Amino acid sequence: MTSPSLAEARELLREFPVVDGHNDLPWALREQVRYDLDARDLAGHQNAHLHTDIPRLREGGVGAQYWSVYVRSDLPDAVPATLEQIDCVRQLLARHPQDLRPALTAADMEAARAEGRIASLMGAEGGHSIANSLGTLRGLYALGVRYLTLTHNDNVAWADSATDKPGVGGLSAFGREVVREMNREGMLVDLSHVAATTMRDALDTSSAPVIFSHSSSRAVCDHPRNIPDDVLERLPANGGMAMVTFVPKFVLQAAVDWTAAADENMRAHGFHHLATTAEAMKVHRAFEERSPRPVATVSTVADHLDHMREVAGIDHLGIGGDYDGTAFTPDGLNDVSGYPNLIAELLDRGWSTSDLAKLTWQNAVRVLGAAEDVARDLQARRGPSNATIESLDG
């Protein structure tokens, strides 16, 4: 029997659907079938292989998705690999025009909502995808990429990652120029994955709202991938937003140590610790049988949102599940059909429908629109930067 809150959640999502900040479907398609979209036809259920397909996006009330065009930071040719990821998204949009609408602007997002289609945007995950080149950054924007996560799990030459040893102490001079050039283009500065020092430097530098495309609260779960309260407190002045992630190892404290052991087990078996191929998942499952994993729930994620709302305010929150980029998901948020369960939980906790509309749709549209406004102003005042990392960082 459907609970009253779940029915209310589904009704709310019909009017204000979810904008999800981060989904790694393109990388999963690369890893599993080398972009063979016949082998993973999203028009039908792909439950056995993926967290994401069109029927479940519809069931989950998703109205806009930032598709991650992530590539691993240890690839020798990150730029062409990123272009292949962009090409994958374009193939998906061409294949499913009735359901997926290309989106480059906040106005495009609203047009998609009016048409009943899912606005499809792109975000590049990791500064390695620009190869220390502002021209490459602009090229990615021209191809439709609307945010750049400054790092992934490893430092880049100009920015420190949350999960690497300190390098330049946050952002270097060139790193600050990257942020300024992103502002000029209208590309959102994404601070998921970066060190807290990088977060603070980016907030000091950016004249446009920043985002965290898939990060949660460090006060609730002490993982370096999460956002410290002092950074959350700065979002109102910046105008940006933090999009809570569902990844258990980032939201449940008990999962942190377990994940470290599971990752080491993956490496011992010759797999990258983020691998999600069938063979890699067999190794994961065997480890889990020997050492049962702590299980996050919808309530775990809601605890983060309660705290983040208290610190940053409702105008600065969103959702970034990280589906198809994680081996495990919380109970009740098993795949992209699960968003109504989270909205129902928040309704049960007393969140108003107006607050939930901001969380799911309105904040993300506002932030992208604000970045566009900043870009128009900056472009009227200065041309593109041709600075190099050598000229600024020596």
Protein backbone atom coordinates (compact mmCIF):
# COMPACT_ATOMS: atom_id res chain seq x y z
CA MET A 1 0.00 0.00 0.00
CA THR A 2 1.39 3.42 -1.01
CA SER A 3 1.93 5.77 1.93
CA PRO A 4 0.25 9.18 1.79
CA SER A 5 3.69 10.84 1.83
CA LEU A 6 4.92 8.80 -1.14
CA ALA A 7 1.82 9.71 -3.14
CA GLU A 8 2.34 13.38 -2.22
CA ALA A 9 6.00 13.11 -3.22
CA ARG A 10 5.11 11.74 -6.65
CA GLU A 11 2.59 14.52 -7.13
CA LEU A 12 5.16 17.18 -6.22
CA LEU A 13 7.71 15.69 -8.63
CA ARG A 14 5.22 15.90 -11.46
CA GLU A 15 5.32 19.69 -11.10
CA PHE A 16 8.88 20.16 -9.83
CA PRO A 17 10.91 17.19 -11.03
CA VAL A 18 14.40 16.33 -9.85
CA VAL A 19 17.44 18.03 -11.33
CA ASP A 20 20.17 15.51 -10.59
CA GLY A 21 23.69 16.94 -10.57
CA HIS A 22 25.68 13.84 -11.43
CA ASN A 23 25.10 10.53 -13.21
CA ASP A 24 27.97 8.42 -14.56
CA LEU A 25 25.96 6.51 -17.17
CA PRO A 26 28.33 7.45 -20.05
CA TRP A 27 31.32 5.92 -18.25
CA ALA A 28 29.32 2.79 -17.41
CA LEU A 29 28.40 2.47 -21.10
CA ARG A 30 32.06 2.85 -22.04
CA GLU A 31 33.18 0.26 -19.51
CA GLN A 32 30.43 -2.29 -20.10
CA VAL A 33 29.76 -2.21 -23.85
CA ARG A 34 32.15 0.37 -25.36
CA TYR A 35 29.20 2.64 -26.21
CA ASP A 36 27.18 -0.07 -27.98
CA LEU A 37 23.77 1.46 -27.30
CA ASP A 38 21.98 -1.53 -28.80
CA ALA A 39 23.50 -3.67 -26.06
CA ARG A 40 22.22 -1.27 -23.39
CA ASP A 41 19.03 0.14 -24.88
CA LEU A 42 17.80 2.71 -22.37
CA ALA A 43 14.27 2.58 -23.76
CA GLY A 44 13.79 -0.61 -21.74
CA HIS A 45 14.70 -1.65 -18.22
CA GLN A 46 18.42 -2.28 -17.72
CA ASN A 47 18.15 -3.27 -14.05
CA ALA A 48 20.66 -6.11 -14.42
CA HIS A 49 23.39 -3.79 -15.65
CA LEU A 50 22.72 -0.14 -14.82
CA HIS A 51 21.12 2.17 -12.26
CA THR A 52 19.71 4.25 -15.11
CA ASP A 53 17.26 3.83 -17.96
CA ILE A 54 14.40 5.91 -19.29
CA PRO A 55 11.53 3.99 -17.63
CA ARG A 56 13.18 4.35 -14.23
CA LEU A 57 14.07 8.02 -14.81
CA ARG A 58 10.37 8.57 -15.48
CA GLU A 59 9.37 6.56 -12.42
CA GLY A 60 11.79 8.55 -10.29
CA GLY A 61 10.43 11.93 -11.37
CA VAL A 62 13.65 13.12 -12.99
CA GLY A 63 13.22 16.27 -15.07
CA ALA A 64 16.84 17.22 -15.72
CA GLN A 65 20.09 15.30 -15.58
CA TYR A 66 23.69 16.44 -15.67
CA TRP A 67 25.34 13.52 -17.44
CA SER A 68 28.93 13.21 -16.26
CA VAL A 69 31.46 13.02 -19.09
CA TYR A 70 34.02 11.74 -16.59
CA VAL A 71 37.22 9.97 -17.58
CA ARG A 72 39.77 8.49 -15.20
CA SER A 73 42.59 10.81 -14.21
CA ASP A 74 45.23 8.16 -14.95
CA LEU A 75 44.29 7.87 -18.63
CA PRO A 76 47.15 9.06 -20.86
CA ASP A 77 44.74 10.73 -23.30
CA ALA A 78 42.11 12.39 -21.13
CA VAL A 79 40.97 14.99 -23.67
CA PRO A 80 40.03 12.58 -26.52
CA ALA A 81 38.46 10.24 -23.97
CA THR A 82 36.34 13.15 -22.69
CA LEU A 83 35.30 13.90 -26.27
CA GLU A 84 34.20 10.28 -26.64
CA GLN A 85 32.09 10.68 -23.51
CA ILE A 86 30.47 13.82 -24.95
CA ASP A 87 29.82 11.91 -28.15
CA CYS A 88 28.13 9.15 -26.13
CA VAL A 89 25.72 11.68 -24.60
CA ARG A 90 24.97 13.10 -28.03
CA GLN A 91 24.24 9.60 -29.34
CA LEU A 92 21.87 9.01 -26.42
CA LEU A 93 20.01 12.25 -27.13
CA ALA A 94 19.71 11.44 -30.83
CA ARG A 95 18.45 7.96 -30.02
CA HIS A 96 15.77 9.04 -27.51
CA PRO A 97 14.43 12.43 -28.68
CA GLN A 98 10.97 11.82 -27.25
CA ASP A 99 12.36 11.53 -23.73
CA LEU A 100 15.69 13.38 -23.61
CA ARG A 101 16.05 17.03 -24.61
CA PRO A 102 19.45 18.69 -25.10
CA ALA A 103 19.85 21.57 -22.67
CA LEU A 104 22.48 24.29 -22.51
CA THR A 105 20.70 26.98 -20.49
CA ALA A 106 18.25 27.49 -17.67
CA ALA A 107 15.65 28.40 -20.30
CA ASP A 108 16.27 25.06 -22.01
CA MET A 109 15.64 23.29 -18.71
CA GLU A 110 12.29 25.04 -18.31
CA ALA A 111 11.39 24.28 -21.94
CA ALA A 112 12.09 20.60 -21.37
CA ARG A 113 9.89 20.60 -18.27
CA ALA A 114 7.07 22.21 -20.25
CA GLU A 115 7.43 19.55 -22.95
CA GLY A 116 7.54 16.67 -20.48
CA ARG A 117 11.07 15.71 -21.55
CA ILE A 118 14.19 15.23 -19.45
CA ALA A 119 16.62 18.12 -19.87
CA SER A 120 20.04 16.67 -20.58
CA LEU A 121 23.13 18.66 -19.64
CA MET A 122 26.77 17.63 -19.33
CA GLY A 123 29.43 18.07 -16.67
CA ALA A 124 33.11 17.17 -16.97
CA GLU A 125 34.49 15.53 -13.84
CA GLY A 126 38.09 16.51 -13.22
CA GLY A 127 40.43 19.28 -14.34
CA HIS A 128 42.60 16.69 -16.09
CA SER A 129 40.01 16.86 -18.89
CA ILE A 130 41.29 20.29 -19.97
CA ALA A 131 45.00 19.31 -19.98
CA ASN A 132 46.09 22.65 -18.44
CA SER A 133 44.58 24.52 -21.41
CA LEU A 134 42.06 27.35 -21.24
CA GLY A 135 41.41 26.88 -24.96
CA THR A 136 40.41 23.27 -24.25
CA LEU A 137 38.17 24.50 -21.44
CA ARG A 138 36.39 26.80 -23.89
CA GLY A 139 36.17 23.96 -26.40
CA LEU A 140 34.36 21.77 -23.88
CA TYR A 141 31.93 24.60 -23.17
CA ALA A 142 31.30 25.00 -26.92
CA LEU A 143 30.48 21.29 -27.07
CA GLY A 144 27.86 21.68 -24.35
CA VAL A 145 29.68 21.01 -21.08
CA ARG A 146 28.11 23.20 -18.41
CA TYR A 147 30.22 22.39 -15.37
CA LEU A 148 33.77 21.30 -14.65
CA THR A 149 34.63 19.50 -11.43
CA LEU A 150 38.04 21.01 -10.68
CA THR A 151 39.58 17.68 -9.64
CA HIS A 152 38.60 14.05 -9.38
CA ASN A 153 40.32 11.76 -6.86
CA ASP A 154 43.82 12.97 -7.78
CA ASN A 155 45.34 16.43 -7.73
CA VAL A 156 45.82 18.33 -10.96
CA ALA A 157 48.80 20.63 -11.37
CA TRP A 158 46.71 23.65 -10.38
CA ALA A 159 44.19 22.31 -7.82
CA ASP A 160 44.22 19.96 -4.84
CA SER A 161 41.86 17.01 -4.52
CA ALA A 162 40.16 15.93 -1.29
CA THR A 163 41.64 12.44 -1.60
CA ASP A 164 45.25 13.22 -2.53
CA LYS A 165 48.19 14.71 -0.62
CA PRO A 166 48.28 18.53 -0.59
CA GLY A 167 49.99 19.88 -3.69
CA VAL A 168 49.57 23.59 -4.34
CA GLY A 169 47.62 24.26 -1.15
CA GLY A 170 44.23 24.79 -2.82
CA LEU A 171 44.25 26.62 -6.15
CA SER A 172 47.40 27.88 -7.84
CA ALA A 173 47.47 31.15 -9.78
CA PHE A 174 46.56 29.22 -12.92
CA GLY A 175 43.80 27.45 -11.02
CA ARG A 176 42.28 30.79 -10.10
CA GLU A 177 42.50 31.80 -13.77
CA VAL A 178 40.63 28.60 -14.68
CA VAL A 179 37.83 29.64 -12.30
CA ARG A 180 37.72 33.16 -13.74
CA GLU A 181 37.57 31.80 -17.28
CA MET A 182 34.78 29.42 -16.31
CA ASN A 183 32.89 32.41 -14.94
CA ARG A 184 33.41 34.25 -18.23
CA GLU A 185 32.15 31.29 -20.26
CA GLY A 186 29.16 30.54 -18.04
CA MET A 187 30.51 27.14 -16.99
CA LEU A 188 29.65 26.23 -13.40
CA VAL A 189 32.57 25.69 -11.02
CA ASP A 190 31.97 22.28 -9.41
CA LEU A 191 33.68 21.74 -6.06
CA SER A 192 32.83 18.10 -5.45
CA HIS A 193 35.98 16.01 -5.03
CA VAL A 194 38.22 18.99 -4.24
CA ALA A 195 40.10 19.64 -1.01
CA ALA A 196 38.56 22.05 1.48
CA THR A 197 41.42 24.47 0.72
CA THR A 198 40.43 24.37 -2.95
CA MET A 199 36.78 24.97 -2.03
CA ARG A 200 37.72 28.09 -0.08
CA ASP A 201 40.06 29.41 -2.78
CA ALA A 202 37.39 28.89 -5.44
CA LEU A 203 34.79 30.74 -3.37
CA ASP A 204 37.29 33.57 -2.90
CA THR A 205 37.84 33.72 -6.67
CA SER A 206 34.51 33.00 -8.32
CA SER A 207 32.17 35.84 -9.27
CA ALA A 208 29.43 33.33 -10.16
CA PRO A 209 27.60 30.76 -8.04
CA VAL A 210 29.49 27.51 -7.52
CA ILE A 211 28.03 24.04 -7.17
CA PHE A 212 28.84 20.78 -5.48
CA SER A 213 27.40 18.34 -8.01
CA HIS A 214 27.49 15.33 -5.67
CA SER A 215 28.70 15.95 -2.11
CA SER A 216 27.28 15.63 1.38
CA SER A 217 27.98 17.01 4.85
CA ARG A 218 31.32 16.44 6.54
CA ALA A 219 29.81 17.21 9.96
CA VAL A 220 27.41 14.27 9.51
CA CYS A 221 29.94 11.90 7.92
CA ASP A 222 33.62 12.74 8.35
CA HIS A 223 34.92 11.91 4.88
CA PRO A 224 37.22 14.35 3.03
CA ARG A 225 34.90 14.21 -0.02
CA ASN A 226 32.22 15.98 2.00
CA ILE A 227 31.67 19.70 2.63
CA PRO A 228 32.79 21.32 5.90
CA ASP A 229 30.28 23.57 7.63
CA ASP A 230 32.38 26.70 7.15
CA VAL A 231 32.15 26.17 3.38
CA LEU A 232 28.40 25.47 3.49
CA GLU A 233 28.00 28.71 5.44
CA ARG A 234 29.50 30.64 2.51
CA LEU A 235 27.01 29.41 -0.09
CA PRO A 236 24.34 32.06 0.61
CA ALA A 237 26.75 34.92 -0.11
CA ASN A 238 28.01 33.14 -3.23
CA GLY A 239 24.55 32.09 -4.43
CA GLY A 240 25.68 28.53 -5.10
CA MET A 241 24.34 25.13 -4.10
CA ALA A 242 25.36 21.78 -2.63
CA MET A 243 23.76 18.73 -4.24
CA VAL A 244 23.64 15.88 -1.72
CA THR A 245 25.01 12.56 -2.88
CA PHE A 246 23.75 9.07 -2.05
CA VAL A 247 27.06 7.14 -2.13
CA PRO A 248 27.08 5.10 1.11
CA LYS A 249 30.81 5.56 1.72
CA PHE A 250 30.25 9.33 1.77
CA VAL A 251 27.05 9.46 3.81
CA LEU A 252 27.38 6.68 6.42
CA GLN A 253 30.27 6.86 8.86
CA ALA A 254 30.31 3.09 9.39
CA ALA A 255 30.83 2.60 5.65
CA VAL A 256 34.05 4.63 5.50
CA ASP A 257 36.38 2.00 7.00
CA TRP A 258 34.58 -0.84 5.23
CA THR A 259 35.02 0.90 1.89
CA ALA A 260 38.74 1.38 2.44
CA ALA A 261 39.10 -2.37 2.95
CA ALA A 262 36.88 -3.15 -0.05
CA ASP A 263 38.90 -0.81 -2.28
CA GLU A 264 42.15 -2.46 -1.21
CA ASN A 265 40.60 -5.85 -2.02
CA MET A 266 39.74 -4.61 -5.52
CA ARG A 267 43.29 -3.46 -6.12
CA ALA A 268 44.66 -6.75 -4.81
CA HIS A 269 42.60 -8.53 -7.48
CA GLY A 270 43.92 -6.29 -10.24
CA PHE A 271 40.91 -3.97 -10.58
CA HIS A 272 40.62 -0.22 -10.28
CA HIS A 273 38.76 0.44 -7.04
CA LEU A 274 35.97 2.26 -8.93
CA ALA A 275 35.45 -0.50 -11.52
CA THR A 276 31.85 -1.67 -11.96
CA THR A 277 32.25 -4.28 -14.72
CA ALA A 278 30.65 -7.70 -14.20
CA GLU A 279 34.02 -9.20 -13.25
CA ALA A 280 34.77 -6.41 -10.81
CA MET A 281 31.36 -6.73 -9.20
CA LYS A 282 31.97 -10.45 -8.62
CA VAL A 283 35.04 -9.50 -6.59
CA HIS A 284 32.99 -6.88 -4.71
CA ARG A 285 30.25 -9.37 -3.90
CA ALA A 286 32.68 -12.03 -2.71
CA PHE A 287 34.26 -9.48 -0.35
CA GLU A 288 30.81 -8.47 0.88
CA GLU A 289 29.93 -12.08 1.66
CA ARG A 290 33.02 -12.33 3.85
CA SER A 291 32.53 -8.89 5.38
CA PRO A 292 28.93 -7.59 5.22
CA ARG A 293 28.82 -3.91 4.29
CA PRO A 294 27.12 -1.31 6.46
CA VAL A 295 23.90 -0.30 4.71
CA ALA A 296 22.85 3.31 4.23
CA THR A 297 19.16 4.16 3.93
CA VAL A 298 16.93 6.99 2.74
CA SER A 299 17.02 8.28 6.31
CA THR A 300 20.84 8.46 6.19
CA VAL A 301 20.68 10.82 3.20
CA ALA A 302 17.86 12.84 4.77
CA ASP A 303 20.05 13.39 7.85
CA HIS A 304 22.60 15.12 5.62
CA LEU A 305 19.94 17.30 4.03
CA ASP A 306 18.53 18.29 7.41
CA HIS A 307 21.96 19.44 8.55
CA MET A 308 22.86 21.13 5.27
CA ARG A 309 19.56 23.05 5.27
CA GLU A 310 20.28 24.26 8.80
CA VAL A 311 23.77 25.48 7.83
CA ALA A 312 23.39 26.71 4.24
CA GLY A 313 19.64 27.35 3.95
CA ILE A 314 17.06 25.78 1.67
CA ASP A 315 17.92 28.05 -1.27
CA HIS A 316 21.32 26.36 -1.60
CA LEU A 317 20.54 22.64 -1.71
CA GLY A 318 20.01 20.10 -4.46
CA ILE A 319 20.43 16.42 -5.33
CA GLY A 320 23.30 14.61 -7.06
CA GLY A 321 22.89 10.87 -6.67
CA ASP A 322 26.06 9.64 -8.48
CA TYR A 323 24.16 6.73 -10.02
CA ASP A 324 26.18 4.38 -12.22
CA GLY A 325 29.31 5.78 -10.62
CA THR A 326 29.11 3.74 -7.43
CA ALA A 327 28.98 0.02 -6.74
CA PHE A 328 26.53 0.40 -3.86
CA THR A 329 23.48 2.55 -3.16
CA PRO A 330 21.32 3.13 -0.07
CA ASP A 331 18.27 0.99 0.59
CA GLY A 332 15.31 2.82 -0.92
CA LEU A 333 17.57 4.73 -3.31
CA ASN A 334 18.67 1.69 -5.26
CA ASP A 335 18.49 3.38 -8.67
CA VAL A 336 17.08 6.45 -10.40
CA SER A 337 13.51 5.40 -9.63
CA GLY A 338 14.08 6.04 -5.92
CA TYR A 339 13.92 9.84 -5.62
CA PRO A 340 10.25 9.83 -4.49
CA ASN A 341 11.28 7.82 -1.42
CA LEU A 342 13.66 10.61 -0.38
CA ILE A 343 11.04 13.30 -0.97
CA ALA A 344 8.51 11.28 1.07
CA GLU A 345 11.03 10.97 3.92
CA LEU A 346 11.58 14.74 3.91
CA LEU A 347 7.82 15.34 3.88
CA ASP A 348 7.55 13.09 6.94
CA ARG A 349 10.26 15.23 8.58
CA GLY A 350 8.20 18.37 8.05
CA TRP A 351 9.78 19.83 4.92
CA SER A 352 7.28 22.05 3.12
CA THR A 353 6.34 21.56 -0.51
CA SER A 354 7.83 24.96 -1.33
CA ASP A 355 11.15 23.91 0.24
CA LEU A 356 11.08 20.63 -1.67
CA ALA A 357 10.39 22.41 -4.95
CA LYS A 358 13.58 24.41 -4.38
CA LEU A 359 15.53 21.26 -3.56
CA THR A 360 14.39 19.31 -6.60
CA TRP A 361 14.10 21.90 -9.36
CA GLN A 362 14.17 25.60 -8.63
CA ASN A 363 17.61 26.01 -7.05
CA ALA A 364 19.45 24.25 -9.87
CA VAL A 365 17.69 26.25 -12.57
CA ARG A 366 18.37 29.50 -10.70
CA VAL A 367 22.08 28.74 -10.29
CA LEU A 368 22.65 27.96 -13.96
CA GLY A 369 20.74 31.09 -14.95
CA ALA A 370 22.82 33.19 -12.56
CA ALA A 371 26.04 31.82 -14.08
CA GLU A 372 24.73 32.84 -17.51
CA ASP A 373 24.07 36.37 -16.23
CA VAL A 374 27.59 36.67 -14.84
CA ALA A 375 29.04 35.41 -18.12
CA ARG A 376 27.17 38.01 -20.17
CA ASP A 377 28.50 40.77 -17.95
CA LEU A 378 32.08 39.49 -18.03
CA GLN A 379 32.07 38.95 -21.80
CA ALA A 380 31.00 42.56 -22.27
CA ARG A 381 34.05 43.68 -20.29
CA ARG A 382 36.89 41.38 -21.33
CA GLY A 383 37.92 38.84 -23.91
CA PRO A 384 39.05 35.25 -23.40
CA SER A 385 42.18 34.57 -21.37
CA ASN A 386 45.14 33.02 -23.17
CA ALA A 387 47.19 32.58 -20.01
CA THR A 388 49.19 29.37 -19.63
CA ILE A 389 50.11 27.37 -16.56
CA GLU A 390 53.76 28.14 -17.30
CA SER A 391 53.16 31.88 -17.40
CA LEU A 392 51.20 31.94 -14.13
CA ASP A 393 52.66 29.11 -12.07
CA GLY A 394 56.22 29.06 -13.42
